Structure formats: structure tokens, C-alpha cells
Amino acid sequence: MSRINRTRWGGVSQALHWFVALAILVLAVVGLVMGELPRTPRYFWVYDLHKSLGLTVLALMAVRLGWRLYAGAPPDVPMPTWQHRVAGLSHWLLYILAFAMPLSGWLYDSASGLRPLRWFGLAEVPKLAAPDPTLKAASLAVHEYGFWVLAVLVVVHAGAALWHHFVQRDVTLSRMVPRVLLDPPTPKDSHR
């Protein structure tokens, strides 16, 4: 398995970053539209998809945190101290929210007393709590407000990465992009 090398995030860290980012994007889109769906069988299928994908993000985030603690991080890119502090704080807030969102959704599902969820139709997911209207309301509030905080943080995170890449022209973004996307192979017959 690839660990961190001296200047870039390793392949495992990159894969986990981009898989989680894509899953969160899909969850956001599905989460925003699913409440508007008519109550048909497709409605329940979309909710189950959202829940299953959310639990997948929870598992991937556990792996990602474990890998980060094991493999570490490459050295910081030179930048002002305040930027390091803001970047560090925002990264840990992203981690916290990436755990809080699926956990609050799972807790909401548990406290609502709905039928048991089958993760992608394969295995029944245990409930975290008995039906409880107060817990249901609290976990839903965390889930819904947490989403908007996470959305803002993701936009700031992506914007900062693009700013570093295009304005500062440093390696902040390129360290998290797979090398194959940065250095595409050249054709062997370039004389044609």
C-alpha cells in the first residue's frame, strides 16, 4: 500500500479523498431532491440509496482517518502562518462534519422508528436508538444544518485549492491529484 511520499499525498490518501468527495456530492444532490419526490416506490428507493451511500461515506471516513493517522501528511506547502492555521482548522472541520452527517442521518433513521434499512439491499443495518421523537428532531436538525455548514466548507476548500493552483501557483492542489492526470503519457510516435 502506498504511504505518503515526501512531497505528495500518497495514492491511498488521494483515492479516499476523491471517492469521499464524489460520494458527498452525490449525497448532496440526492438529499436536496429526495424531499420533493412523490411518495412512490421510487421515493423509498431514493431514500434507501441516500442512507446506504451515507453509511458508505461513514465507513470510508473511518478508513480515511485511520490512514491519515497511520501514513501522516506530506510537509506543508510554504505559506503564511495564518493560512496554515485556517487550512488546518477547515480540514478538521471537514472531517468532523463528514462523520457527523452520516451519524446524524443514521440516528435520525433509528429514532424515527422506520423499517430497518438494508445497506444497498444486502445487509440490515442495526438501529442506534429506539424510536424517540425528541432525538429524531434533534438528529434531523444536526443533519440538515450540518449539511449547509458542510456545503459552505466544501466550497471554501475547493475555492482555496483552486486559488492556490491558479493564483499562488503552488503545489497545494497538484499534491492531491493523481500523477497520471498531471503528467499524461506522451505518444511514442510523436514524430507523426
N, C-alpha and C. Protein backbone atom coordinates (compact mmCIF):
# COMPACT_ATOMS: atom_id res chain seq x y z
N MET A 1 0.84 -1.19 0.00
CA MET A 1 0.00 0.00 0.00
C MET A 1 0.88 1.24 0.00
N SER A 2 0.40 2.24 -0.67
CA SER A 2 1.20 3.44 -0.79
C SER A 2 0.99 4.35 0.41
N ARG A 3 2.09 4.73 1.00
CA ARG A 3 2.04 5.72 2.07
C ARG A 3 2.43 7.07 1.49
N ILE A 4 2.47 8.06 2.34
CA ILE A 4 2.83 9.40 1.90
C ILE A 4 4.28 9.42 1.45
N ASN A 5 4.55 10.02 0.30
CA ASN A 5 5.95 10.23 -0.06
C ASN A 5 6.35 11.61 0.42
N ARG A 6 7.48 12.08 0.04
CA ARG A 6 7.99 13.31 0.63
C ARG A 6 7.26 14.58 0.21
N THR A 7 6.67 14.60 -0.97
CA THR A 7 6.12 15.86 -1.45
C THR A 7 4.63 15.81 -1.78
N ARG A 8 4.06 14.61 -1.90
CA ARG A 8 2.67 14.48 -2.36
C ARG A 8 1.89 13.59 -1.40
N TRP A 9 0.57 13.69 -1.48
CA TRP A 9 -0.28 12.73 -0.80
C TRP A 9 -0.14 11.41 -1.55
N GLY A 10 -0.12 10.31 -0.83
CA GLY A 10 0.00 9.00 -1.46
C GLY A 10 -1.28 8.60 -2.18
N GLY A 11 -1.18 7.53 -2.94
CA GLY A 11 -2.31 7.06 -3.74
C GLY A 11 -3.52 6.68 -2.90
N VAL A 12 -3.31 6.07 -1.74
CA VAL A 12 -4.44 5.69 -0.88
C VAL A 12 -5.16 6.95 -0.39
N SER A 13 -4.39 7.93 0.06
CA SER A 13 -5.00 9.19 0.53
C SER A 13 -5.75 9.88 -0.59
N GLN A 14 -5.17 9.90 -1.78
CA GLN A 14 -5.83 10.53 -2.92
C GLN A 14 -7.13 9.81 -3.27
N ALA A 15 -7.06 8.48 -3.34
CA ALA A 15 -8.26 7.70 -3.69
C ALA A 15 -9.37 7.93 -2.67
N LEU A 16 -9.04 7.89 -1.39
CA LEU A 16 -10.06 8.11 -0.36
C LEU A 16 -10.62 9.53 -0.45
N HIS A 17 -9.76 10.51 -0.66
CA HIS A 17 -10.21 11.90 -0.79
C HIS A 17 -11.23 12.04 -1.91
N TRP A 18 -10.90 11.54 -3.10
CA TRP A 18 -11.77 11.74 -4.26
C TRP A 18 -13.02 10.87 -4.22
N PHE A 19 -12.92 9.65 -3.68
CA PHE A 19 -14.13 8.81 -3.53
C PHE A 19 -15.11 9.46 -2.56
N VAL A 20 -14.60 9.94 -1.42
CA VAL A 20 -15.47 10.58 -0.44
C VAL A 20 -16.05 11.87 -1.02
N ALA A 21 -15.23 12.66 -1.71
CA ALA A 21 -15.73 13.90 -2.31
C ALA A 21 -16.85 13.62 -3.30
N LEU A 22 -16.67 12.63 -4.15
CA LEU A 22 -17.70 12.28 -5.13
C LEU A 22 -18.97 11.78 -4.42
N ALA A 23 -18.80 10.93 -3.41
CA ALA A 23 -19.95 10.40 -2.68
C ALA A 23 -20.72 11.52 -1.98
N ILE A 24 -20.00 12.47 -1.39
CA ILE A 24 -20.66 13.59 -0.72
C ILE A 24 -21.41 14.45 -1.73
N LEU A 25 -20.84 14.65 -2.90
CA LEU A 25 -21.53 15.41 -3.95
C LEU A 25 -22.82 14.71 -4.36
N VAL A 26 -22.76 13.40 -4.56
CA VAL A 26 -23.97 12.63 -4.92
C VAL A 26 -24.99 12.70 -3.79
N LEU A 27 -24.52 12.52 -2.55
CA LEU A 27 -25.42 12.61 -1.40
C LEU A 27 -26.10 13.97 -1.32
N ALA A 28 -25.36 15.03 -1.60
CA ALA A 28 -25.93 16.38 -1.54
C ALA A 28 -27.03 16.54 -2.58
N VAL A 29 -26.76 16.11 -3.80
CA VAL A 29 -27.77 16.25 -4.86
C VAL A 29 -29.00 15.41 -4.52
N VAL A 30 -28.78 14.16 -4.15
CA VAL A 30 -29.91 13.28 -3.82
C VAL A 30 -30.67 13.84 -2.62
N GLY A 31 -29.94 14.29 -1.60
CA GLY A 31 -30.58 14.83 -0.41
C GLY A 31 -31.43 16.05 -0.69
N LEU A 32 -30.98 16.88 -1.61
CA LEU A 32 -31.75 18.09 -1.94
C LEU A 32 -33.01 17.80 -2.74
N VAL A 33 -32.99 16.75 -3.56
CA VAL A 33 -34.17 16.48 -4.40
C VAL A 33 -35.12 15.45 -3.80
N MET A 34 -34.64 14.61 -2.90
CA MET A 34 -35.48 13.49 -2.47
C MET A 34 -36.72 13.93 -1.69
N GLY A 35 -36.64 15.04 -1.00
CA GLY A 35 -37.81 15.51 -0.27
C GLY A 35 -38.93 15.99 -1.16
N GLU A 36 -38.61 16.28 -2.41
CA GLU A 36 -39.61 16.78 -3.36
C GLU A 36 -40.26 15.66 -4.16
N LEU A 37 -39.79 14.44 -4.00
CA LEU A 37 -40.32 13.32 -4.79
C LEU A 37 -41.70 12.91 -4.30
N PRO A 38 -42.57 12.49 -5.22
CA PRO A 38 -43.87 11.95 -4.80
C PRO A 38 -43.67 10.62 -4.08
N ARG A 39 -44.57 10.30 -3.18
CA ARG A 39 -44.46 9.08 -2.37
C ARG A 39 -44.81 7.85 -3.21
N THR A 40 -43.86 7.43 -4.00
CA THR A 40 -43.99 6.23 -4.83
C THR A 40 -42.91 5.25 -4.40
N PRO A 41 -42.90 4.04 -4.94
CA PRO A 41 -41.81 3.12 -4.60
C PRO A 41 -40.42 3.71 -4.89
N ARG A 42 -40.33 4.53 -5.95
CA ARG A 42 -39.04 5.16 -6.26
C ARG A 42 -38.60 6.08 -5.12
N TYR A 43 -39.53 6.75 -4.47
CA TYR A 43 -39.23 7.63 -3.35
C TYR A 43 -38.47 6.86 -2.27
N PHE A 44 -38.97 5.69 -1.90
CA PHE A 44 -38.32 4.90 -0.85
C PHE A 44 -36.98 4.36 -1.33
N TRP A 45 -36.89 4.03 -2.62
CA TRP A 45 -35.62 3.56 -3.18
C TRP A 45 -34.57 4.66 -3.09
N VAL A 46 -34.95 5.90 -3.41
CA VAL A 46 -34.01 7.03 -3.36
C VAL A 46 -33.56 7.29 -1.92
N TYR A 47 -34.49 7.23 -0.97
CA TYR A 47 -34.12 7.40 0.43
C TYR A 47 -33.16 6.30 0.88
N ASP A 48 -33.43 5.07 0.52
CA ASP A 48 -32.54 3.97 0.89
C ASP A 48 -31.17 4.14 0.25
N LEU A 49 -31.13 4.62 -0.99
CA LEU A 49 -29.85 4.89 -1.66
C LEU A 49 -29.08 5.96 -0.88
N HIS A 50 -29.76 7.03 -0.50
CA HIS A 50 -29.13 8.11 0.26
C HIS A 50 -28.56 7.58 1.58
N LYS A 51 -29.34 6.79 2.27
CA LYS A 51 -28.89 6.24 3.56
C LYS A 51 -27.72 5.28 3.37
N SER A 52 -27.81 4.41 2.38
CA SER A 52 -26.74 3.44 2.13
C SER A 52 -25.45 4.14 1.74
N LEU A 53 -25.55 5.12 0.88
CA LEU A 53 -24.36 5.87 0.47
C LEU A 53 -23.80 6.66 1.64
N GLY A 54 -24.67 7.21 2.48
CA GLY A 54 -24.21 7.92 3.67
C GLY A 54 -23.42 7.02 4.61
N LEU A 55 -23.91 5.79 4.82
CA LEU A 55 -23.18 4.84 5.67
C LEU A 55 -21.87 4.43 5.02
N THR A 56 -21.83 4.40 3.70
CA THR A 56 -20.59 4.10 3.00
C THR A 56 -19.58 5.22 3.23
N VAL A 57 -20.04 6.47 3.19
CA VAL A 57 -19.16 7.60 3.48
C VAL A 57 -18.63 7.50 4.91
N LEU A 58 -19.48 7.12 5.84
CA LEU A 58 -19.05 6.95 7.23
C LEU A 58 -17.91 5.93 7.32
N ALA A 59 -18.08 4.79 6.66
CA ALA A 59 -17.04 3.76 6.67
C ALA A 59 -15.77 4.25 5.99
N LEU A 60 -15.91 4.91 4.84
CA LEU A 60 -14.74 5.43 4.13
C LEU A 60 -14.02 6.50 4.96
N MET A 61 -14.78 7.31 5.68
CA MET A 61 -14.15 8.33 6.53
C MET A 61 -13.40 7.69 7.69
N ALA A 62 -13.92 6.59 8.22
CA ALA A 62 -13.19 5.88 9.29
C ALA A 62 -11.87 5.35 8.73
N VAL A 63 -11.92 4.78 7.54
CA VAL A 63 -10.69 4.29 6.89
C VAL A 63 -9.76 5.47 6.61
N ARG A 64 -10.33 6.55 6.12
CA ARG A 64 -9.52 7.72 5.77
C ARG A 64 -8.83 8.30 7.00
N LEU A 65 -9.55 8.43 8.10
CA LEU A 65 -8.94 8.95 9.32
C LEU A 65 -7.86 8.01 9.82
N GLY A 66 -8.15 6.71 9.82
CA GLY A 66 -7.13 5.74 10.23
C GLY A 66 -5.89 5.82 9.35
N TRP A 67 -6.10 5.95 8.05
CA TRP A 67 -4.96 6.04 7.13
C TRP A 67 -4.18 7.33 7.36
N ARG A 68 -4.89 8.42 7.61
CA ARG A 68 -4.22 9.70 7.86
C ARG A 68 -3.36 9.62 9.11
N LEU A 69 -3.89 8.98 10.16
CA LEU A 69 -3.12 8.84 11.40
C LEU A 69 -1.92 7.91 11.20
N TYR A 70 -2.09 6.89 10.37
CA TYR A 70 -1.01 5.94 10.10
C TYR A 70 0.04 6.53 9.16
N ALA A 71 -0.40 7.07 8.04
CA ALA A 71 0.52 7.49 6.98
C ALA A 71 1.02 8.92 7.15
N GLY A 72 0.29 9.72 7.91
CA GLY A 72 0.70 11.11 8.06
C GLY A 72 0.37 11.95 6.85
N ALA A 73 0.98 13.10 6.78
CA ALA A 73 0.74 14.04 5.69
C ALA A 73 2.08 14.51 5.15
N PRO A 74 2.11 14.89 3.89
CA PRO A 74 3.36 15.45 3.36
C PRO A 74 3.65 16.78 4.05
N PRO A 75 4.88 17.25 3.95
CA PRO A 75 5.20 18.54 4.58
C PRO A 75 4.30 19.65 4.02
N ASP A 76 4.03 20.62 4.87
CA ASP A 76 3.19 21.74 4.45
C ASP A 76 3.84 22.51 3.30
N VAL A 77 2.98 23.02 2.44
CA VAL A 77 3.43 23.92 1.38
C VAL A 77 3.75 25.26 2.05
N PRO A 78 4.86 25.90 1.69
CA PRO A 78 5.17 27.20 2.31
C PRO A 78 4.05 28.22 2.06
N MET A 79 3.57 28.79 3.15
CA MET A 79 2.55 29.84 3.09
C MET A 79 2.53 30.53 4.44
N PRO A 80 1.86 31.67 4.53
CA PRO A 80 1.80 32.39 5.81
C PRO A 80 1.17 31.52 6.92
N THR A 81 1.60 31.77 8.14
CA THR A 81 1.13 31.01 9.29
C THR A 81 -0.38 31.03 9.41
N TRP A 82 -1.01 32.17 9.17
CA TRP A 82 -2.46 32.25 9.31
C TRP A 82 -3.15 31.31 8.31
N GLN A 83 -2.58 31.18 7.11
CA GLN A 83 -3.17 30.27 6.12
C GLN A 83 -3.05 28.82 6.57
N HIS A 84 -1.90 28.47 7.16
CA HIS A 84 -1.74 27.11 7.69
C HIS A 84 -2.78 26.83 8.77
N ARG A 85 -2.99 27.80 9.64
CA ARG A 85 -3.95 27.60 10.73
C ARG A 85 -5.38 27.47 10.19
N VAL A 86 -5.75 28.33 9.26
CA VAL A 86 -7.10 28.27 8.68
C VAL A 86 -7.28 26.96 7.92
N ALA A 87 -6.26 26.56 7.16
CA ALA A 87 -6.34 25.30 6.40
C ALA A 87 -6.47 24.11 7.35
N GLY A 88 -5.67 24.10 8.41
CA GLY A 88 -5.75 23.01 9.37
C GLY A 88 -7.10 22.93 10.05
N LEU A 89 -7.62 24.08 10.47
CA LEU A 89 -8.93 24.12 11.11
C LEU A 89 -10.02 23.66 10.14
N SER A 90 -9.96 24.14 8.91
CA SER A 90 -11.01 23.76 7.94
C SER A 90 -10.93 22.27 7.61
N HIS A 91 -9.72 21.71 7.54
CA HIS A 91 -9.62 20.27 7.27
C HIS A 91 -10.24 19.45 8.39
N TRP A 92 -9.95 19.82 9.63
CA TRP A 92 -10.52 19.05 10.74
C TRP A 92 -12.03 19.27 10.84
N LEU A 93 -12.52 20.46 10.51
CA LEU A 93 -13.97 20.67 10.47
C LEU A 93 -14.62 19.82 9.38
N LEU A 94 -13.94 19.70 8.24
CA LEU A 94 -14.46 18.83 7.18
C LEU A 94 -14.53 17.38 7.66
N TYR A 95 -13.50 16.93 8.35
CA TYR A 95 -13.50 15.57 8.91
C TYR A 95 -14.66 15.40 9.89
N ILE A 96 -14.81 16.35 10.81
CA ILE A 96 -15.87 16.25 11.82
C ILE A 96 -17.24 16.19 11.15
N LEU A 97 -17.48 17.07 10.19
CA LEU A 97 -18.78 17.09 9.51
C LEU A 97 -18.99 15.86 8.63
N ALA A 98 -17.92 15.35 8.04
CA ALA A 98 -18.05 14.15 7.21
C ALA A 98 -18.40 12.93 8.07
N PHE A 99 -18.10 12.98 9.36
CA PHE A 99 -18.56 11.94 10.29
C PHE A 99 -19.95 12.28 10.83
N ALA A 100 -20.16 13.55 11.17
CA ALA A 100 -21.42 13.96 11.81
C ALA A 100 -22.62 13.79 10.89
N MET A 101 -22.43 14.04 9.61
CA MET A 101 -23.56 13.95 8.68
C MET A 101 -24.13 12.53 8.61
N PRO A 102 -23.32 11.51 8.30
CA PRO A 102 -23.90 10.17 8.25
C PRO A 102 -24.35 9.66 9.62
N LEU A 103 -23.63 10.02 10.68
CA LEU A 103 -24.05 9.59 12.02
C LEU A 103 -25.39 10.21 12.40
N SER A 104 -25.58 11.49 12.11
CA SER A 104 -26.86 12.13 12.44
C SER A 104 -27.98 11.58 11.57
N GLY A 105 -27.68 11.25 10.32
CA GLY A 105 -28.69 10.63 9.46
C GLY A 105 -29.07 9.25 9.96
N TRP A 106 -28.09 8.48 10.38
CA TRP A 106 -28.33 7.13 10.91
C TRP A 106 -29.14 7.23 12.20
N LEU A 107 -28.78 8.19 13.05
CA LEU A 107 -29.51 8.38 14.31
C LEU A 107 -30.95 8.82 14.03
N TYR A 108 -31.13 9.70 13.06
CA TYR A 108 -32.48 10.14 12.67
C TYR A 108 -33.30 8.95 12.19
N ASP A 109 -32.71 8.14 11.32
CA ASP A 109 -33.40 6.96 10.81
C ASP A 109 -33.77 6.02 11.96
N SER A 110 -32.85 5.84 12.89
CA SER A 110 -33.10 4.95 14.03
C SER A 110 -34.22 5.48 14.91
N ALA A 111 -34.14 6.76 15.26
CA ALA A 111 -35.11 7.36 16.19
C ALA A 111 -36.49 7.55 15.56
N SER A 112 -36.56 7.49 14.24
CA SER A 112 -37.85 7.70 13.57
C SER A 112 -38.74 6.47 13.64
N GLY A 113 -38.16 5.32 13.94
CA GLY A 113 -38.96 4.10 14.02
C GLY A 113 -39.32 3.51 12.66
N LEU A 114 -38.63 3.94 11.62
CA LEU A 114 -38.89 3.41 10.28
C LEU A 114 -38.44 1.95 10.18
N ARG A 115 -38.86 1.31 9.11
CA ARG A 115 -38.45 -0.08 8.88
C ARG A 115 -36.92 -0.13 8.83
N PRO A 116 -36.34 -1.27 9.16
CA PRO A 116 -34.88 -1.37 9.13
C PRO A 116 -34.33 -1.11 7.72
N LEU A 117 -33.21 -0.42 7.68
CA LEU A 117 -32.53 -0.16 6.41
C LEU A 117 -31.70 -1.38 6.04
N ARG A 118 -31.73 -1.74 4.78
CA ARG A 118 -30.84 -2.77 4.25
C ARG A 118 -29.82 -2.03 3.39
N TRP A 119 -28.55 -2.06 3.81
CA TRP A 119 -27.48 -1.35 3.13
C TRP A 119 -27.37 -1.86 1.70
N PHE A 120 -27.71 -1.00 0.74
CA PHE A 120 -27.75 -1.35 -0.68
C PHE A 120 -28.52 -2.65 -0.93
N GLY A 121 -29.51 -2.93 -0.06
CA GLY A 121 -30.34 -4.12 -0.21
C GLY A 121 -29.65 -5.40 0.24
N LEU A 122 -28.46 -5.31 0.81
CA LEU A 122 -27.66 -6.50 1.13
C LEU A 122 -27.75 -6.93 2.58
N ALA A 123 -27.52 -6.02 3.50
CA ALA A 123 -27.45 -6.38 4.92
C ALA A 123 -28.23 -5.37 5.75
N GLU A 124 -28.94 -5.88 6.74
CA GLU A 124 -29.72 -5.00 7.60
C GLU A 124 -28.79 -4.20 8.51
N VAL A 125 -29.06 -2.91 8.60
CA VAL A 125 -28.25 -2.01 9.42
C VAL A 125 -28.90 -1.91 10.79
N PRO A 126 -28.13 -2.12 11.86
CA PRO A 126 -28.72 -2.02 13.20
C PRO A 126 -29.14 -0.59 13.53
N LYS A 127 -30.14 -0.48 14.37
CA LYS A 127 -30.61 0.83 14.84
C LYS A 127 -29.68 1.31 15.95
N LEU A 128 -29.45 2.61 15.99
CA LEU A 128 -28.62 3.20 17.04
C LEU A 128 -29.44 3.56 18.28
N ALA A 129 -30.76 3.68 18.12
CA ALA A 129 -31.62 4.11 19.22
C ALA A 129 -33.03 3.59 18.98
N ALA A 130 -33.80 3.55 20.05
CA ALA A 130 -35.22 3.22 19.94
C ALA A 130 -35.96 4.44 19.41
N PRO A 131 -37.17 4.25 18.89
CA PRO A 131 -37.95 5.40 18.42
C PRO A 131 -38.08 6.46 19.53
N ASP A 132 -37.78 7.71 19.17
CA ASP A 132 -37.79 8.80 20.14
C ASP A 132 -37.99 10.11 19.38
N PRO A 133 -39.16 10.75 19.53
CA PRO A 133 -39.45 11.97 18.76
C PRO A 133 -38.46 13.11 19.03
N THR A 134 -38.00 13.25 20.27
CA THR A 134 -37.07 14.33 20.60
C THR A 134 -35.72 14.09 19.93
N LEU A 135 -35.23 12.86 20.02
CA LEU A 135 -33.96 12.50 19.38
C LEU A 135 -34.07 12.60 17.86
N LYS A 136 -35.22 12.21 17.34
CA LYS A 136 -35.47 12.30 15.90
C LYS A 136 -35.35 13.75 15.44
N ALA A 137 -36.00 14.66 16.15
CA ALA A 137 -35.97 16.09 15.78
C ALA A 137 -34.56 16.67 15.91
N ALA A 138 -33.87 16.31 16.99
CA ALA A 138 -32.52 16.84 17.20
C ALA A 138 -31.55 16.33 16.13
N SER A 139 -31.62 15.04 15.83
CA SER A 139 -30.70 14.49 14.83
C SER A 139 -31.01 15.02 13.43
N LEU A 140 -32.29 15.26 13.14
CA LEU A 140 -32.64 15.85 11.85
C LEU A 140 -32.10 17.27 11.75
N ALA A 141 -32.19 18.04 12.83
CA ALA A 141 -31.66 19.41 12.82
C ALA A 141 -30.15 19.40 12.58
N VAL A 142 -29.44 18.50 13.27
CA VAL A 142 -27.99 18.39 13.07
C VAL A 142 -27.70 18.02 11.62
N HIS A 143 -28.47 17.08 11.08
CA HIS A 143 -28.26 16.61 9.71
C HIS A 143 -28.52 17.73 8.70
N GLU A 144 -29.60 18.44 8.86
CA GLU A 144 -29.95 19.48 7.88
C GLU A 144 -29.07 20.72 8.00
N TYR A 145 -28.85 21.22 9.21
CA TYR A 145 -27.98 22.39 9.36
C TYR A 145 -26.53 22.03 9.09
N GLY A 146 -26.14 20.83 9.51
CA GLY A 146 -24.78 20.37 9.24
C GLY A 146 -24.49 20.30 7.76
N PHE A 147 -25.51 19.93 6.97
CA PHE A 147 -25.32 19.88 5.52
C PHE A 147 -24.91 21.24 4.98
N TRP A 148 -25.58 22.30 5.41
CA TRP A 148 -25.28 23.63 4.88
C TRP A 148 -23.91 24.10 5.32
N VAL A 149 -23.52 23.78 6.54
CA VAL A 149 -22.17 24.13 7.00
C VAL A 149 -21.15 23.35 6.18
N LEU A 150 -21.40 22.06 5.97
CA LEU A 150 -20.50 21.24 5.16
C LEU A 150 -20.43 21.78 3.73
N ALA A 151 -21.56 22.16 3.16
CA ALA A 151 -21.57 22.69 1.79
C ALA A 151 -20.70 23.94 1.69
N VAL A 152 -20.82 24.84 2.65
CA VAL A 152 -20.01 26.06 2.64
C VAL A 152 -18.53 25.70 2.77
N LEU A 153 -18.21 24.80 3.69
CA LEU A 153 -16.81 24.40 3.87
C LEU A 153 -16.23 23.75 2.62
N VAL A 154 -17.01 22.92 1.95
CA VAL A 154 -16.54 22.27 0.73
C VAL A 154 -16.26 23.31 -0.35
N VAL A 155 -17.15 24.28 -0.50
CA VAL A 155 -16.94 25.34 -1.50
C VAL A 155 -15.68 26.15 -1.15
N VAL A 156 -15.51 26.49 0.11
CA VAL A 156 -14.31 27.23 0.54
C VAL A 156 -13.06 26.38 0.31
N HIS A 157 -13.13 25.10 0.65
CA HIS A 157 -12.00 24.18 0.47
C HIS A 157 -11.60 24.09 -1.01
N ALA A 158 -12.58 23.87 -1.87
CA ALA A 158 -12.30 23.77 -3.31
C ALA A 158 -11.81 25.11 -3.85
N GLY A 159 -12.44 26.18 -3.42
CA GLY A 159 -12.01 27.51 -3.87
C GLY A 159 -10.59 27.82 -3.45
N ALA A 160 -10.24 27.47 -2.22
CA ALA A 160 -8.88 27.70 -1.74
C ALA A 160 -7.87 26.87 -2.53
N ALA A 161 -8.22 25.63 -2.83
CA ALA A 161 -7.32 24.78 -3.62
C ALA A 161 -7.11 25.37 -5.01
N LEU A 162 -8.18 25.84 -5.63
CA LEU A 162 -8.07 26.45 -6.96
C LEU A 162 -7.29 27.77 -6.89
N TRP A 163 -7.51 28.55 -5.84
CA TRP A 163 -6.75 29.79 -5.66
C TRP A 163 -5.26 29.49 -5.53
N HIS A 164 -4.92 28.48 -4.74
CA HIS A 164 -3.50 28.11 -4.61
C HIS A 164 -2.93 27.68 -5.95
N HIS A 165 -3.72 26.96 -6.73
CA HIS A 165 -3.23 26.43 -8.00
C HIS A 165 -3.08 27.51 -9.07
N PHE A 166 -4.12 28.33 -9.24
CA PHE A 166 -4.12 29.28 -10.35
C PHE A 166 -3.58 30.66 -10.00
N VAL A 167 -3.70 31.09 -8.75
CA VAL A 167 -3.23 32.42 -8.36
C VAL A 167 -1.86 32.32 -7.69
N GLN A 168 -1.76 31.51 -6.66
CA GLN A 168 -0.48 31.36 -5.96
C GLN A 168 0.52 30.52 -6.75
N ARG A 169 -0.01 29.68 -7.62
CA ARG A 169 0.80 28.78 -8.45
C ARG A 169 1.72 27.89 -7.60
N ASP A 170 1.15 27.37 -6.50
CA ASP A 170 1.90 26.43 -5.69
C ASP A 170 1.35 25.02 -5.91
N VAL A 171 1.88 24.06 -5.17
CA VAL A 171 1.55 22.64 -5.42
C VAL A 171 0.45 22.11 -4.51
N THR A 172 -0.27 22.98 -3.82
CA THR A 172 -1.30 22.52 -2.89
C THR A 172 -2.28 21.57 -3.56
N LEU A 173 -2.84 21.95 -4.68
CA LEU A 173 -3.82 21.11 -5.38
C LEU A 173 -3.16 19.92 -6.06
N SER A 174 -2.06 20.15 -6.74
CA SER A 174 -1.44 19.07 -7.52
C SER A 174 -0.94 17.93 -6.63
N ARG A 175 -0.70 18.17 -5.35
CA ARG A 175 -0.28 17.09 -4.45
C ARG A 175 -1.40 16.09 -4.19
N MET A 176 -2.68 16.51 -4.39
CA MET A 176 -3.81 15.63 -4.13
C MET A 176 -4.40 15.06 -5.42
N VAL A 177 -3.87 15.46 -6.56
CA VAL A 177 -4.35 14.97 -7.85
C VAL A 177 -3.46 13.81 -8.29
N PRO A 178 -4.04 12.70 -8.73
CA PRO A 178 -3.21 11.58 -9.20
C PRO A 178 -2.23 12.04 -10.28
N ARG A 179 -1.02 11.57 -10.16
CA ARG A 179 0.06 11.99 -11.06
C ARG A 179 -0.29 11.75 -12.53
N VAL A 180 -1.02 10.68 -12.81
CA VAL A 180 -1.37 10.37 -14.20
C VAL A 180 -2.20 11.48 -14.82
N LEU A 181 -2.96 12.21 -14.03
CA LEU A 181 -3.74 13.33 -14.55
C LEU A 181 -2.89 14.58 -14.76
N LEU A 182 -1.78 14.65 -14.04
CA LEU A 182 -0.90 15.81 -14.17
C LEU A 182 0.09 15.64 -15.31
N ASP A 183 0.60 14.44 -15.48
CA ASP A 183 1.61 14.15 -16.50
C ASP A 183 1.09 13.07 -17.44
N PRO A 184 0.19 13.43 -18.37
CA PRO A 184 -0.32 12.40 -19.26
C PRO A 184 0.80 11.80 -20.10
N PRO A 185 0.70 10.50 -20.37
CA PRO A 185 1.75 9.87 -21.18
C PRO A 185 1.80 10.48 -22.57
N THR A 186 3.00 10.57 -23.10
CA THR A 186 3.16 11.10 -24.45
C THR A 186 3.22 9.93 -25.43
N PRO A 187 2.70 10.12 -26.64
CA PRO A 187 2.75 9.03 -27.62
C PRO A 187 4.20 8.71 -28.00
N LYS A 188 4.47 7.43 -28.20
CA LYS A 188 5.82 7.01 -28.56
C LYS A 188 6.19 7.49 -29.96
N ASP A 189 5.19 7.58 -30.81
CA ASP A 189 5.43 8.02 -32.18
C ASP A 189 5.08 9.50 -32.32
N SER A 190 5.79 10.35 -31.61
CA SER A 190 5.45 11.77 -31.63
C SER A 190 5.89 12.47 -32.91
N HIS A 191 6.69 11.78 -33.75
CA HIS A 191 7.15 12.41 -34.99
C HIS A 191 6.09 12.39 -36.08
N ARG A 192 5.01 11.64 -35.91
CA ARG A 192 3.95 11.57 -36.93
C ARG A 192 3.10 12.77 -36.94
